[in-house]
Amino acid sequence: MNASNPFDFYLVEFMKGMAAMRNDLSILLSKVTRLNKTPAQHISDEWLTPDQVMLALKISVRTLDKLKYSGKLPYTKIYGLIYFSTIDIENMLKQHSINRLSNNKLSTFQNTSDESDYPRTGTSNES
């Protein structure tokens, strides 16, 4: 007799349910982990020190000072310590994005010059 086992269907459905439950538990675990942070950990995620900003943006102290004092990158000073908001950093990066087209200006990635503007080097047609 070649009849399939009647419990195979139930076993397959059980395994699908277990896989879905594992996925749901994984999502729940990640949410609980985020909720389990202390207020100080939440603040440290939202505010960066100058060293962290320089490391993240790969800029020098002088460049960071220029961004601060020009007003391009707002900062907070508490008892002599300077902090930068991650939201302000993201906003600055978005505002100074080069590849966006705004006010009918061409993107800096577009080549607006004609190839004939540049002399060819390394070739000679003289005989």
PDB file of N, CA and C in Angstrom:
ATOM      1  N   MET A   1       0.821  -1.174   0.000  1.00  0.00           N
ATOM      2  CA  MET A   1       0.000   0.000   0.000  1.00  0.00           C
ATOM      3  C   MET A   1       0.868   1.241   0.000  1.00  0.00           C
ATOM      4  N   ASN A   2       0.637   2.179  -0.940  1.00  0.00           N
ATOM      5  CA  ASN A   2       1.429   3.383  -1.088  1.00  0.00           C
ATOM      6  C   ASN A   2       0.711   4.615  -0.562  1.00  0.00           C
ATOM      7  N   ALA A   3      -0.177   4.482   0.328  1.00  0.00           N
ATOM      8  CA  ALA A   3      -0.904   5.636   0.868  1.00  0.00           C
ATOM      9  C   ALA A   3       0.047   6.457   1.710  1.00  0.00           C
ATOM     10  N   SER A   4      -0.011   7.794   1.552  1.00  0.00           N
ATOM     11  CA  SER A   4       0.863   8.656   2.342  1.00  0.00           C
ATOM     12  C   SER A   4       0.347   8.738   3.770  1.00  0.00           C
ATOM     13  N   ASN A   5       1.232   9.039   4.648  1.00  0.00           N
ATOM     14  CA  ASN A   5       0.899   9.131   6.064  1.00  0.00           C
ATOM     15  C   ASN A   5      -0.079  10.287   6.276  1.00  0.00           C
ATOM     16  N   PRO A   6      -1.225  10.086   6.899  1.00  0.00           N
ATOM     17  CA  PRO A   6      -2.200  11.161   7.082  1.00  0.00           C
ATOM     18  C   PRO A   6      -1.681  12.260   8.006  1.00  0.00           C
ATOM     19  N   PHE A   7      -0.651  11.996   8.738  1.00  0.00           N
ATOM     20  CA  PHE A   7      -0.119  13.001   9.647  1.00  0.00           C
ATOM     21  C   PHE A   7       0.896  13.926   8.982  1.00  0.00           C
ATOM     22  N   ASP A   8       1.309  13.618   7.746  1.00  0.00           N
ATOM     23  CA  ASP A   8       2.279  14.468   7.032  1.00  0.00           C
ATOM     24  C   ASP A   8       1.741  15.885   6.856  1.00  0.00           C
ATOM     25  N   PHE A   9       0.486  15.996   6.478  1.00  0.00           N
ATOM     26  CA  PHE A   9      -0.126  17.317   6.288  1.00  0.00           C
ATOM     27  C   PHE A   9      -0.057  18.118   7.585  1.00  0.00           C
ATOM     28  N   TYR A  10      -0.413  17.477   8.687  1.00  0.00           N
ATOM     29  CA  TYR A  10      -0.421  18.172   9.968  1.00  0.00           C
ATOM     30  C   TYR A  10       0.993  18.547  10.410  1.00  0.00           C
ATOM     31  N   LEU A  11       1.952  17.700  10.086  1.00  0.00           N
ATOM     32  CA  LEU A  11       3.341  17.979  10.431  1.00  0.00           C
ATOM     33  C   LEU A  11       3.852  19.191   9.657  1.00  0.00           C
ATOM     34  N   VAL A  12       3.532  19.266   8.378  1.00  0.00           N
ATOM     35  CA  VAL A  12       3.951  20.405   7.554  1.00  0.00           C
ATOM     36  C   VAL A  12       3.313  21.686   8.074  1.00  0.00           C
ATOM     37  N   GLU A  13       2.031  21.649   8.401  1.00  0.00           N
ATOM     38  CA  GLU A  13       1.347  22.832   8.927  1.00  0.00           C
ATOM     39  C   GLU A  13       1.932  23.242  10.285  1.00  0.00           C
ATOM     40  N   PHE A  14       2.263  22.260  11.102  1.00  0.00           N
ATOM     41  CA  PHE A  14       2.864  22.542  12.396  1.00  0.00           C
ATOM     42  C   PHE A  14       4.208  23.242  12.221  1.00  0.00           C
ATOM     43  N   MET A  15       5.026  22.767  11.291  1.00  0.00           N
ATOM     44  CA  MET A  15       6.338  23.362  11.042  1.00  0.00           C
ATOM     45  C   MET A  15       6.203  24.793  10.513  1.00  0.00           C
ATOM     46  N   LYS A  16       5.214  25.050   9.659  1.00  0.00           N
ATOM     47  CA  LYS A  16       4.975  26.412   9.167  1.00  0.00           C
ATOM     48  C   LYS A  16       4.598  27.329  10.323  1.00  0.00           C
ATOM     49  N   GLY A  17       3.739  26.829  11.202  1.00  0.00           N
ATOM     50  CA  GLY A  17       3.329  27.618  12.370  1.00  0.00           C
ATOM     51  C   GLY A  17       4.504  27.921  13.287  1.00  0.00           C
ATOM     52  N   MET A  18       5.377  26.946  13.473  1.00  0.00           N
ATOM     53  CA  MET A  18       6.558  27.154  14.319  1.00  0.00           C
ATOM     54  C   MET A  18       7.503  28.192  13.706  1.00  0.00           C
ATOM     55  N   ALA A  19       7.667  28.164  12.390  1.00  0.00           N
ATOM     56  CA  ALA A  19       8.524  29.141  11.718  1.00  0.00           C
ATOM     57  C   ALA A  19       7.946  30.549  11.867  1.00  0.00           C
ATOM     58  N   ALA A  20       6.635  30.684  11.720  1.00  0.00           N
ATOM     59  CA  ALA A  20       5.991  31.989  11.887  1.00  0.00           C
ATOM     60  C   ALA A  20       6.133  32.474  13.328  1.00  0.00           C
ATOM     61  N   MET A  21       5.985  31.556  14.272  1.00  0.00           N
ATOM     62  CA  MET A  21       6.117  31.921  15.682  1.00  0.00           C
ATOM     63  C   MET A  21       7.546  32.361  15.993  1.00  0.00           C
ATOM     64  N   ARG A  22       8.531  31.704  15.419  1.00  0.00           N
ATOM     65  CA  ARG A  22       9.932  32.077  15.627  1.00  0.00           C
ATOM     66  C   ARG A  22      10.182  33.490  15.091  1.00  0.00           C
ATOM     67  N   ASN A  23       9.621  33.802  13.943  1.00  0.00           N
ATOM     68  CA  ASN A  23       9.769  35.127  13.359  1.00  0.00           C
ATOM     69  C   ASN A  23       9.127  36.185  14.262  1.00  0.00           C
ATOM     70  N   ASP A  24       7.915  35.902  14.747  1.00  0.00           N
ATOM     71  CA  ASP A  24       7.216  36.835  15.639  1.00  0.00           C
ATOM     72  C   ASP A  24       7.995  37.052  16.932  1.00  0.00           C
ATOM     73  N   LEU A  25       8.571  35.990  17.477  1.00  0.00           N
ATOM     74  CA  LEU A  25       9.354  36.111  18.702  1.00  0.00           C
ATOM     75  C   LEU A  25      10.626  36.935  18.477  1.00  0.00           C
ATOM     76  N   SER A  26      11.209  36.798  17.326  1.00  0.00           N
ATOM     77  CA  SER A  26      12.398  37.580  17.006  1.00  0.00           C
ATOM     78  C   SER A  26      12.070  39.071  16.942  1.00  0.00           C
ATOM     79  N   ILE A  27      10.963  39.410  16.308  1.00  0.00           N
ATOM     80  CA  ILE A  27      10.525  40.808  16.233  1.00  0.00           C
ATOM     81  C   ILE A  27      10.228  41.340  17.631  1.00  0.00           C
ATOM     82  N   LEU A  28       9.535  40.557  18.422  1.00  0.00           N
ATOM     83  CA  LEU A  28       9.202  40.964  19.786  1.00  0.00           C
ATOM     84  C   LEU A  28      10.464  41.181  20.619  1.00  0.00           C
ATOM     85  N   LEU A  29      11.445  40.319  20.477  1.00  0.00           N
ATOM     86  CA  LEU A  29      12.691  40.452  21.211  1.00  0.00           C
ATOM     87  C   LEU A  29      13.407  41.751  20.855  1.00  0.00           C
ATOM     88  N   SER A  30      13.436  42.097  19.581  1.00  0.00           N
ATOM     89  CA  SER A  30      14.105  43.342  19.186  1.00  0.00           C
ATOM     90  C   SER A  30      13.377  44.555  19.754  1.00  0.00           C
ATOM     91  N   LYS A  31      12.041  44.508  19.809  1.00  0.00           N
ATOM     92  CA  LYS A  31      11.281  45.628  20.376  1.00  0.00           C
ATOM     93  C   LYS A  31      11.505  45.743  21.884  1.00  0.00           C
ATOM     94  N   VAL A  32      11.535  44.623  22.576  1.00  0.00           N
ATOM     95  CA  VAL A  32      11.773  44.633  24.025  1.00  0.00           C
ATOM     96  C   VAL A  32      13.176  45.141  24.316  1.00  0.00           C
ATOM     97  N   THR A  33      14.149  44.768  23.511  1.00  0.00           N
ATOM     98  CA  THR A  33      15.521  45.227  23.703  1.00  0.00           C
ATOM     99  C   THR A  33      15.601  46.741  23.575  1.00  0.00           C
ATOM    100  N   ARG A  34      14.882  47.313  22.598  1.00  0.00           N
ATOM    101  CA  ARG A  34      14.875  48.768  22.442  1.00  0.00           C
ATOM    102  C   ARG A  34      14.217  49.442  23.635  1.00  0.00           C
ATOM    103  N   LEU A  35      13.141  48.857  24.150  1.00  0.00           N
ATOM    104  CA  LEU A  35      12.446  49.435  25.296  1.00  0.00           C
ATOM    105  C   LEU A  35      13.252  49.309  26.573  1.00  0.00           C
ATOM    106  N   ASN A  36      14.163  48.378  26.626  1.00  0.00           N
ATOM    107  CA  ASN A  36      14.920  48.085  27.833  1.00  0.00           C
ATOM    108  C   ASN A  36      16.088  49.049  28.041  1.00  0.00           C
ATOM    109  N   LYS A  37      16.277  50.010  27.142  1.00  0.00           N
ATOM    110  CA  LYS A  37      17.374  50.964  27.286  1.00  0.00           C
ATOM    111  C   LYS A  37      17.080  51.942  28.411  1.00  0.00           C
ATOM    112  N   THR A  38      18.133  52.376  29.059  1.00  0.00           N
ATOM    113  CA  THR A  38      17.993  53.389  30.097  1.00  0.00           C
ATOM    114  C   THR A  38      17.843  54.755  29.422  1.00  0.00           C
ATOM    115  N   PRO A  39      17.331  55.750  30.142  1.00  0.00           N
ATOM    116  CA  PRO A  39      17.238  57.094  29.551  1.00  0.00           C
ATOM    117  C   PRO A  39      18.590  57.621  29.070  1.00  0.00           C
ATOM    118  N   ALA A  40      19.639  57.310  29.792  1.00  0.00           N
ATOM    119  CA  ALA A  40      20.976  57.757  29.376  1.00  0.00           C
ATOM    120  C   ALA A  40      21.381  57.124  28.049  1.00  0.00           C
ATOM    121  N   GLN A  41      21.006  55.865  27.835  1.00  0.00           N
ATOM    122  CA  GLN A  41      21.335  55.212  26.567  1.00  0.00           C
ATOM    123  C   GLN A  41      20.549  55.832  25.418  1.00  0.00           C
ATOM    124  N   HIS A  42      19.290  56.213  25.667  1.00  0.00           N
ATOM    125  CA  HIS A  42      18.508  56.887  24.629  1.00  0.00           C
ATOM    126  C   HIS A  42      19.130  58.238  24.286  1.00  0.00           C
ATOM    127  N   ILE A  43      19.571  58.967  25.293  1.00  0.00           N
ATOM    128  CA  ILE A  43      20.193  60.268  25.056  1.00  0.00           C
ATOM    129  C   ILE A  43      21.487  60.104  24.278  1.00  0.00           C
ATOM    130  N   SER A  44      22.279  59.094  24.623  1.00  0.00           N
ATOM    131  CA  SER A  44      23.543  58.901  23.921  1.00  0.00           C
ATOM    132  C   SER A  44      23.321  58.520  22.457  1.00  0.00           C
ATOM    133  N   ASP A  45      22.158  57.947  22.136  1.00  0.00           N
ATOM    134  CA  ASP A  45      21.827  57.648  20.744  1.00  0.00           C
ATOM    135  C   ASP A  45      21.434  58.907  19.980  1.00  0.00           C
ATOM    136  N   GLU A  46      20.954  59.922  20.678  1.00  0.00           N
ATOM    137  CA  GLU A  46      20.446  61.128  20.033  1.00  0.00           C
ATOM    138  C   GLU A  46      21.455  62.271  20.014  1.00  0.00           C
ATOM    139  N   TRP A  47      22.444  62.252  20.887  1.00  0.00           N
ATOM    140  CA  TRP A  47      23.420  63.335  21.005  1.00  0.00           C
ATOM    141  C   TRP A  47      24.822  62.769  20.883  1.00  0.00           C
ATOM    142  N   LEU A  48      25.676  63.485  20.140  1.00  0.00           N
ATOM    143  CA  LEU A  48      27.045  63.041  19.907  1.00  0.00           C
ATOM    144  C   LEU A  48      28.035  64.080  20.405  1.00  0.00           C
ATOM    145  N   THR A  49      29.184  63.615  20.850  1.00  0.00           N
ATOM    146  CA  THR A  49      30.271  64.510  21.233  1.00  0.00           C
ATOM    147  C   THR A  49      30.999  64.953  19.961  1.00  0.00           C
ATOM    148  N   PRO A  50      31.807  66.014  20.050  1.00  0.00           N
ATOM    149  CA  PRO A  50      32.570  66.428  18.861  1.00  0.00           C
ATOM    150  C   PRO A  50      33.444  65.305  18.282  1.00  0.00           C
ATOM    151  N   ASP A  51      34.072  64.510  19.153  1.00  0.00           N
ATOM    152  CA  ASP A  51      34.902  63.402  18.656  1.00  0.00           C
ATOM    153  C   ASP A  51      34.075  62.401  17.856  1.00  0.00           C
ATOM    154  N   GLN A  52      32.874  62.100  18.333  1.00  0.00           N
ATOM    155  CA  GLN A  52      32.009  61.157  17.621  1.00  0.00           C
ATOM    156  C   GLN A  52      31.575  61.722  16.271  1.00  0.00           C
ATOM    157  N   VAL A  53      31.293  63.024  16.231  1.00  0.00           N
ATOM    158  CA  VAL A  53      30.883  63.669  14.976  1.00  0.00           C
ATOM    159  C   VAL A  53      32.031  63.655  13.980  1.00  0.00           C
ATOM    160  N   MET A  54      33.234  64.000  14.455  1.00  0.00           N
ATOM    161  CA  MET A  54      34.394  64.016  13.557  1.00  0.00           C
ATOM    162  C   MET A  54      34.671  62.625  13.004  1.00  0.00           C
ATOM    163  N   LEU A  55      34.524  61.620  13.839  1.00  0.00           N
ATOM    164  CA  LEU A  55      34.744  60.247  13.396  1.00  0.00           C
ATOM    165  C   LEU A  55      33.671  59.818  12.401  1.00  0.00           C
ATOM    166  N   ALA A  56      32.412  60.142  12.695  1.00  0.00           N
ATOM    167  CA  ALA A  56      31.313  59.736  11.818  1.00  0.00           C
ATOM    168  C   ALA A  56      31.380  60.429  10.461  1.00  0.00           C
ATOM    169  N   LEU A  57      31.697  61.728  10.462  1.00  0.00           N
ATOM    170  CA  LEU A  57      31.730  62.490   9.210  1.00  0.00           C
ATOM    171  C   LEU A  57      33.098  62.496   8.551  1.00  0.00           C
ATOM    172  N   LYS A  58      34.095  61.936   9.257  1.00  0.00           N
ATOM    173  CA  LYS A  58      35.476  61.898   8.755  1.00  0.00           C
ATOM    174  C   LYS A  58      35.969  63.303   8.426  1.00  0.00           C
ATOM    175  N   ILE A  59      35.837  64.193   9.427  1.00  0.00           N
ATOM    176  CA  ILE A  59      36.271  65.567   9.265  1.00  0.00           C
ATOM    177  C   ILE A  59      37.240  65.927  10.390  1.00  0.00           C
ATOM    178  N   SER A  60      37.958  67.025  10.201  1.00  0.00           N
ATOM    179  CA  SER A  60      38.931  67.473  11.189  1.00  0.00           C
ATOM    180  C   SER A  60      38.268  68.390  12.211  1.00  0.00           C
ATOM    181  N   VAL A  61      39.027  68.715  13.251  1.00  0.00           N
ATOM    182  CA  VAL A  61      38.552  69.644  14.284  1.00  0.00           C
ATOM    183  C   VAL A  61      38.234  70.993  13.643  1.00  0.00           C
ATOM    184  N   ARG A  62      39.109  71.445  12.766  1.00  0.00           N
ATOM    185  CA  ARG A  62      38.925  72.751  12.121  1.00  0.00           C
ATOM    186  C   ARG A  62      37.643  72.783  11.284  1.00  0.00           C
ATOM    187  N   THR A  63      37.379  71.719  10.551  1.00  0.00           N
ATOM    188  CA  THR A  63      36.163  71.654   9.739  1.00  0.00           C
ATOM    189  C   THR A  63      34.927  71.660  10.627  1.00  0.00           C
ATOM    190  N   LEU A  64      34.975  70.916  11.717  1.00  0.00           N
ATOM    191  CA  LEU A  64      33.847  70.898  12.642  1.00  0.00           C
ATOM    192  C   LEU A  64      33.631  72.286  13.239  1.00  0.00           C
ATOM    193  N   ASP A  65      34.716  72.976  13.591  1.00  0.00           N
ATOM    194  CA  ASP A  65      34.589  74.340  14.122  1.00  0.00           C
ATOM    195  C   ASP A  65      33.964  75.274  13.092  1.00  0.00           C
ATOM    196  N   LYS A  66      34.356  75.140  11.838  1.00  0.00           N
ATOM    197  CA  LYS A  66      33.776  75.980  10.781  1.00  0.00           C
ATOM    198  C   LYS A  66      32.272  75.721  10.649  1.00  0.00           C
ATOM    199  N   LEU A  67      31.876  74.451  10.695  1.00  0.00           N
ATOM    200  CA  LEU A  67      30.455  74.118  10.610  1.00  0.00           C
ATOM    201  C   LEU A  67      29.690  74.681  11.801  1.00  0.00           C
ATOM    202  N   LYS A  68      30.294  74.624  12.985  1.00  0.00           N
ATOM    203  CA  LYS A  68      29.654  75.134  14.201  1.00  0.00           C
ATOM    204  C   LYS A  68      29.463  76.639  14.124  1.00  0.00           C
ATOM    205  N   TYR A  69      30.556  77.360  13.891  1.00  0.00           N
ATOM    206  CA  TYR A  69      30.525  78.815  13.982  1.00  0.00           C
ATOM    207  C   TYR A  69      29.860  79.483  12.782  1.00  0.00           C
ATOM    208  N   SER A  70      29.739  78.769  11.673  1.00  0.00           N
ATOM    209  CA  SER A  70      29.012  79.321  10.528  1.00  0.00           C
ATOM    210  C   SER A  70      27.505  79.133  10.688  1.00  0.00           C
ATOM    211  N   GLY A  71      27.115  78.322  11.663  1.00  0.00           N
ATOM    212  CA  GLY A  71      25.698  78.068  11.892  1.00  0.00           C
ATOM    213  C   GLY A  71      25.144  76.925  11.061  1.00  0.00           C
ATOM    214  N   LYS A  72      25.985  76.288  10.289  1.00  0.00           N
ATOM    215  CA  LYS A  72      25.511  75.174   9.458  1.00  0.00           C
ATOM    216  C   LYS A  72      25.194  73.941  10.290  1.00  0.00           C
ATOM    217  N   LEU A  73      25.888  73.785  11.421  1.00  0.00           N
ATOM    218  CA  LEU A  73      25.657  72.640  12.291  1.00  0.00           C
ATOM    219  C   LEU A  73      25.394  73.146  13.709  1.00  0.00           C
ATOM    220  N   PRO A  74      24.132  73.184  14.108  1.00  0.00           N
ATOM    221  CA  PRO A  74      23.805  73.652  15.458  1.00  0.00           C
ATOM    222  C   PRO A  74      24.409  72.734  16.522  1.00  0.00           C
ATOM    223  N   TYR A  75      24.685  73.308  17.671  1.00  0.00           N
ATOM    224  CA  TYR A  75      25.233  72.523  18.772  1.00  0.00           C
ATOM    225  C   TYR A  75      24.663  73.029  20.086  1.00  0.00           C
ATOM    226  N   THR A  76      24.823  72.218  21.111  1.00  0.00           N
ATOM    227  CA  THR A  76      24.373  72.558  22.455  1.00  0.00           C
ATOM    228  C   THR A  76      25.584  72.522  23.372  1.00  0.00           C
ATOM    229  N   LYS A  77      25.687  73.545  24.215  1.00  0.00           N
ATOM    230  CA  LYS A  77      26.809  73.616  25.137  1.00  0.00           C
ATOM    231  C   LYS A  77      26.266  73.599  26.561  1.00  0.00           C
ATOM    232  N   ILE A  78      26.678  72.602  27.334  1.00  0.00           N
ATOM    233  CA  ILE A  78      26.237  72.462  28.712  1.00  0.00           C
ATOM    234  C   ILE A  78      27.481  72.349  29.589  1.00  0.00           C
ATOM    235  N   TYR A  79      27.652  73.324  30.484  1.00  0.00           N
ATOM    236  CA  TYR A  79      28.802  73.336  31.386  1.00  0.00           C
ATOM    237  C   TYR A  79      30.117  73.117  30.642  1.00  0.00           C
ATOM    238  N   GLY A  80      30.253  73.763  29.496  1.00  0.00           N
ATOM    239  CA  GLY A  80      31.487  73.687  28.730  1.00  0.00           C
ATOM    240  C   GLY A  80      31.615  72.478  27.820  1.00  0.00           C
ATOM    241  N   LEU A  81      30.669  71.546  27.906  1.00  0.00           N
ATOM    242  CA  LEU A  81      30.696  70.373  27.034  1.00  0.00           C
ATOM    243  C   LEU A  81      29.781  70.611  25.839  1.00  0.00           C
ATOM    244  N   ILE A  82      30.255  70.253  24.658  1.00  0.00           N
ATOM    245  CA  ILE A  82      29.505  70.485  23.427  1.00  0.00           C
ATOM    246  C   ILE A  82      28.909  69.173  22.936  1.00  0.00           C
ATOM    247  N   TYR A  83      27.641  69.250  22.518  1.00  0.00           N
ATOM    248  CA  TYR A  83      26.927  68.093  21.985  1.00  0.00           C
ATOM    249  C   TYR A  83      26.242  68.479  20.682  1.00  0.00           C
ATOM    250  N   PHE A  84      26.139  67.504  19.781  1.00  0.00           N
ATOM    251  CA  PHE A  84      25.466  67.695  18.504  1.00  0.00           C
ATOM    252  C   PHE A  84      24.312  66.705  18.402  1.00  0.00           C
ATOM    253  N   SER A  85      23.190  67.189  17.937  1.00  0.00           N
ATOM    254  CA  SER A  85      22.023  66.332  17.756  1.00  0.00           C
ATOM    255  C   SER A  85      22.178  65.533  16.469  1.00  0.00           C
ATOM    256  N   THR A  86      21.870  64.242  16.538  1.00  0.00           N
ATOM    257  CA  THR A  86      21.948  63.413  15.330  1.00  0.00           C
ATOM    258  C   THR A  86      20.950  63.894  14.280  1.00  0.00           C
ATOM    259  N   ILE A  87      19.829  64.434  14.726  1.00  0.00           N
ATOM    260  CA  ILE A  87      18.827  64.960  13.793  1.00  0.00           C
ATOM    261  C   ILE A  87      19.380  66.171  13.055  1.00  0.00           C
ATOM    262  N   ASP A  88      20.086  67.069  13.788  1.00  0.00           N
ATOM    263  CA  ASP A  88      20.687  68.241  13.148  1.00  0.00           C
ATOM    264  C   ASP A  88      21.756  67.838  12.142  1.00  0.00           C
ATOM    265  N   ILE A  89      22.518  66.804  12.468  1.00  0.00           N
ATOM    266  CA  ILE A  89      23.555  66.322  11.541  1.00  0.00           C
ATOM    267  C   ILE A  89      22.913  65.775  10.276  1.00  0.00           C
ATOM    268  N   GLU A  90      21.854  64.975  10.428  1.00  0.00           N
ATOM    269  CA  GLU A  90      21.147  64.440   9.262  1.00  0.00           C
ATOM    270  C   GLU A  90      20.554  65.565   8.417  1.00  0.00           C
ATOM    271  N   ASN A  91      19.958  66.555   9.070  1.00  0.00           N
ATOM    272  CA  ASN A  91      19.378  67.683   8.338  1.00  0.00           C
ATOM    273  C   ASN A  91      20.437  68.458   7.573  1.00  0.00           C
ATOM    274  N   MET A  92      21.595  68.690   8.186  1.00  0.00           N
ATOM    275  CA  MET A  92      22.674  69.399   7.508  1.00  0.00           C
ATOM    276  C   MET A  92      23.130  68.619   6.283  1.00  0.00           C
ATOM    277  N   LEU A  93      23.271  67.313   6.430  1.00  0.00           N
ATOM    278  CA  LEU A  93      23.700  66.491   5.297  1.00  0.00           C
ATOM    279  C   LEU A  93      22.670  66.527   4.171  1.00  0.00           C
ATOM    280  N   LYS A  94      21.387  66.504   4.523  1.00  0.00           N
ATOM    281  CA  LYS A  94      20.337  66.567   3.509  1.00  0.00           C
ATOM    282  C   LYS A  94      20.314  67.925   2.820  1.00  0.00           C
ATOM    283  N   GLN A  95      20.492  69.003   3.592  1.00  0.00           N
ATOM    284  CA  GLN A  95      20.464  70.356   3.018  1.00  0.00           C
ATOM    285  C   GLN A  95      21.630  70.599   2.080  1.00  0.00           C
ATOM    286  N   HIS A  96      22.750  69.973   2.338  1.00  0.00           N
ATOM    287  CA  HIS A  96      23.947  70.191   1.532  1.00  0.00           C
ATOM    288  C   HIS A  96      24.212  69.048   0.568  1.00  0.00           C
ATOM    289  N   SER A  97      23.181  68.274   0.284  1.00  0.00           N
ATOM    290  CA  SER A  97      23.312  67.179  -0.653  1.00  0.00           C
ATOM    291  C   SER A  97      23.592  67.744  -2.037  1.00  0.00           C
ATOM    292  N   ILE A  98      24.572  67.216  -2.707  1.00  0.00           N
ATOM    293  CA  ILE A  98      25.007  67.752  -4.000  1.00  0.00           C
ATOM    294  C   ILE A  98      24.191  67.213  -5.158  1.00  0.00           C
ATOM    295  N   ASN A  99      23.736  65.978  -5.075  1.00  0.00           N
ATOM    296  CA  ASN A  99      23.101  65.366  -6.230  1.00  0.00           C
ATOM    297  C   ASN A  99      21.622  65.710  -6.368  1.00  0.00           C
ATOM    298  N   ARG A 100      21.115  66.615  -5.563  1.00  0.00           N
ATOM    299  CA  ARG A 100      19.719  67.020  -5.688  1.00  0.00           C
ATOM    300  C   ARG A 100      19.595  68.158  -6.689  1.00  0.00           C
ATOM    301  N   LEU A 101      18.523  68.146  -7.437  1.00  0.00           N
ATOM    302  CA  LEU A 101      18.234  69.246  -8.339  1.00  0.00           C
ATOM    303  C   LEU A 101      17.272  70.188  -7.634  1.00  0.00           C
ATOM    304  N   SER A 102      17.715  71.416  -7.425  1.00  0.00           N
ATOM    305  CA  SER A 102      16.839  72.390  -6.791  1.00  0.00           C
ATOM    306  C   SER A 102      17.038  73.737  -7.465  1.00  0.00           C
ATOM    307  N   ASN A 103      15.966  74.488  -7.578  1.00  0.00           N
ATOM    308  CA  ASN A 103      15.975  75.818  -8.191  1.00  0.00           C
ATOM    309  C   ASN A 103      16.547  75.793  -9.598  1.00  0.00           C
ATOM    310  N   ASN A 104      16.243  74.741 -10.334  1.00  0.00           N
ATOM    311  CA  ASN A 104      16.681  74.578 -11.718  1.00  0.00           C
ATOM    312  C   ASN A 104      18.197  74.592 -11.866  1.00  0.00           C
ATOM    313  N   LYS A 105      18.916  74.280 -10.816  1.00  0.00           N
ATOM    314  CA  LYS A 105      20.370  74.192 -10.905  1.00  0.00           C
ATOM    315  C   LYS A 105      20.741  72.775 -11.308  1.00  0.00           C
ATOM    316  N   LEU A 106      21.783  72.651 -12.083  1.00  0.00           N
ATOM    317  CA  LEU A 106      22.238  71.345 -12.509  1.00  0.00           C
ATOM    318  C   LEU A 106      23.025  70.695 -11.388  1.00  0.00           C
ATOM    319  N   SER A 107      22.917  69.409 -11.318  1.00  0.00           N
ATOM    320  CA  SER A 107      23.681  68.651 -10.339  1.00  0.00           C
ATOM    321  C   SER A 107      25.160  68.743 -10.670  1.00  0.00           C
ATOM    322  N   THR A 108      25.998  68.727  -9.645  1.00  0.00           N
ATOM    323  CA  THR A 108      27.431  68.806  -9.900  1.00  0.00           C
ATOM    324  C   THR A 108      27.954  67.537 -10.547  1.00  0.00           C
ATOM    325  N   PHE A 109      27.135  66.487 -10.579  1.00  0.00           N
ATOM    326  CA  PHE A 109      27.569  65.248 -11.201  1.00  0.00           C
ATOM    327  C   PHE A 109      27.338  65.258 -12.712  1.00  0.00           C
ATOM    328  N   GLN A 110      26.599  66.244 -13.209  1.00  0.00           N
ATOM    329  CA  GLN A 110      26.366  66.314 -14.644  1.00  0.00           C
ATOM    330  C   GLN A 110      27.524  67.037 -15.315  1.00  0.00           C
ATOM    331  N   ASN A 111      27.912  66.557 -16.454  1.00  0.00           N
ATOM    332  CA  ASN A 111      28.966  67.203 -17.216  1.00  0.00           C
ATOM    333  C   ASN A 111      28.313  68.205 -18.156  1.00  0.00           C
ATOM    334  N   THR A 112      28.502  69.482 -17.866  1.00  0.00           N
ATOM    335  CA  THR A 112      27.848  70.515 -18.669  1.00  0.00           C
ATOM    336  C   THR A 112      28.765  71.058 -19.754  1.00  0.00           C
ATOM    337  N   SER A 113      30.023  70.667 -19.765  1.00  0.00           N
ATOM    338  CA  SER A 113      30.945  71.193 -20.765  1.00  0.00           C
ATOM    339  C   SER A 113      30.985  70.271 -21.972  1.00  0.00           C
ATOM    340  N   ASP A 114      31.376  70.854 -23.089  1.00  0.00           N
ATOM    341  CA  ASP A 114      31.506  70.099 -24.329  1.00  0.00           C
ATOM    342  C   ASP A 114      32.876  69.426 -24.340  1.00  0.00           C
ATOM    343  N   GLU A 115      32.933  68.213 -24.839  1.00  0.00           N
ATOM    344  CA  GLU A 115      34.189  67.476 -24.867  1.00  0.00           C
ATOM    345  C   GLU A 115      35.240  68.209 -25.685  1.00  0.00           C
ATOM    346  N   SER A 116      34.821  69.018 -26.671  1.00  0.00           N
ATOM    347  CA  SER A 116      35.769  69.722 -27.525  1.00  0.00           C
ATOM    348  C   SER A 116      36.445  70.878 -26.785  1.00  0.00           C
ATOM    349  N   ASP A 117      35.983  71.224 -25.579  1.00  0.00           N
ATOM    350  CA  ASP A 117      36.604  72.288 -24.798  1.00  0.00           C
ATOM    351  C   ASP A 117      37.987  71.894 -24.309  1.00  0.00           C
ATOM    352  N   TYR A 118      38.259  70.604 -24.254  1.00  0.00           N
ATOM    353  CA  TYR A 118      39.511  70.132 -23.698  1.00  0.00           C
ATOM    354  C   TYR A 118      40.423  69.653 -24.810  1.00  0.00           C
ATOM    355  N   PRO A 119      41.672  70.157 -24.836  1.00  0.00           N
ATOM    356  CA  PRO A 119      42.592  69.667 -25.870  1.00  0.00           C
ATOM    357  C   PRO A 119      43.009  68.238 -25.562  1.00  0.00           C
ATOM    358  N   ARG A 120      43.205  67.475 -26.594  1.00  0.00           N
ATOM    359  CA  ARG A 120      43.658  66.109 -26.410  1.00  0.00           C
ATOM    360  C   ARG A 120      45.148  66.116 -26.133  1.00  0.00           C
ATOM    361  N   THR A 121      45.536  65.298 -25.219  1.00  0.00           N
ATOM    362  CA  THR A 121      46.965  65.214 -24.887  1.00  0.00           C
ATOM    363  C   THR A 121      47.449  63.823 -25.239  1.00  0.00           C
ATOM    364  N   GLY A 122      48.707  63.773 -25.582  1.00  0.00           N
ATOM    365  CA  GLY A 122      49.331  62.477 -25.842  1.00  0.00           C
ATOM    366  C   GLY A 122      49.077  61.953 -27.257  1.00  0.00           C
ATOM    367  N   THR A 123      48.352  62.705 -28.079  1.00  0.00           N
ATOM    368  CA  THR A 123      48.150  62.253 -29.463  1.00  0.00           C
ATOM    369  C   THR A 123      48.686  63.316 -30.402  1.00  0.00           C
ATOM    370  N   SER A 124      49.265  62.900 -31.434  1.00  0.00           N
ATOM    371  CA  SER A 124      49.819  63.834 -32.406  1.00  0.00           C
ATOM    372  C   SER A 124      49.472  63.357 -33.806  1.00  0.00           C
ATOM    373  N   ASN A 125      48.916  64.250 -34.606  1.00  0.00           N
ATOM    374  CA  ASN A 125      48.559  63.918 -35.977  1.00  0.00           C
ATOM    375  C   ASN A 125      49.562  64.487 -36.956  1.00  0.00           C
ATOM    376  N   GLU A 126      50.691  64.989 -36.461  1.00  0.00           N
ATOM    377  CA  GLU A 126      51.684  65.587 -37.349  1.00  0.00           C
ATOM    378  C   GLU A 126      52.446  64.487 -38.077  1.00  0.00           C
ATOM    379  N   SER A 127      52.730  64.708 -39.379  1.00  0.00           N
ATOM    380  CA  SER A 127      53.485  63.736 -40.161  1.00  0.00           C
ATOM    381  C   SER A 127      54.729  64.318 -40.674  1.00  0.00           C
TER     382      SER A 127
END
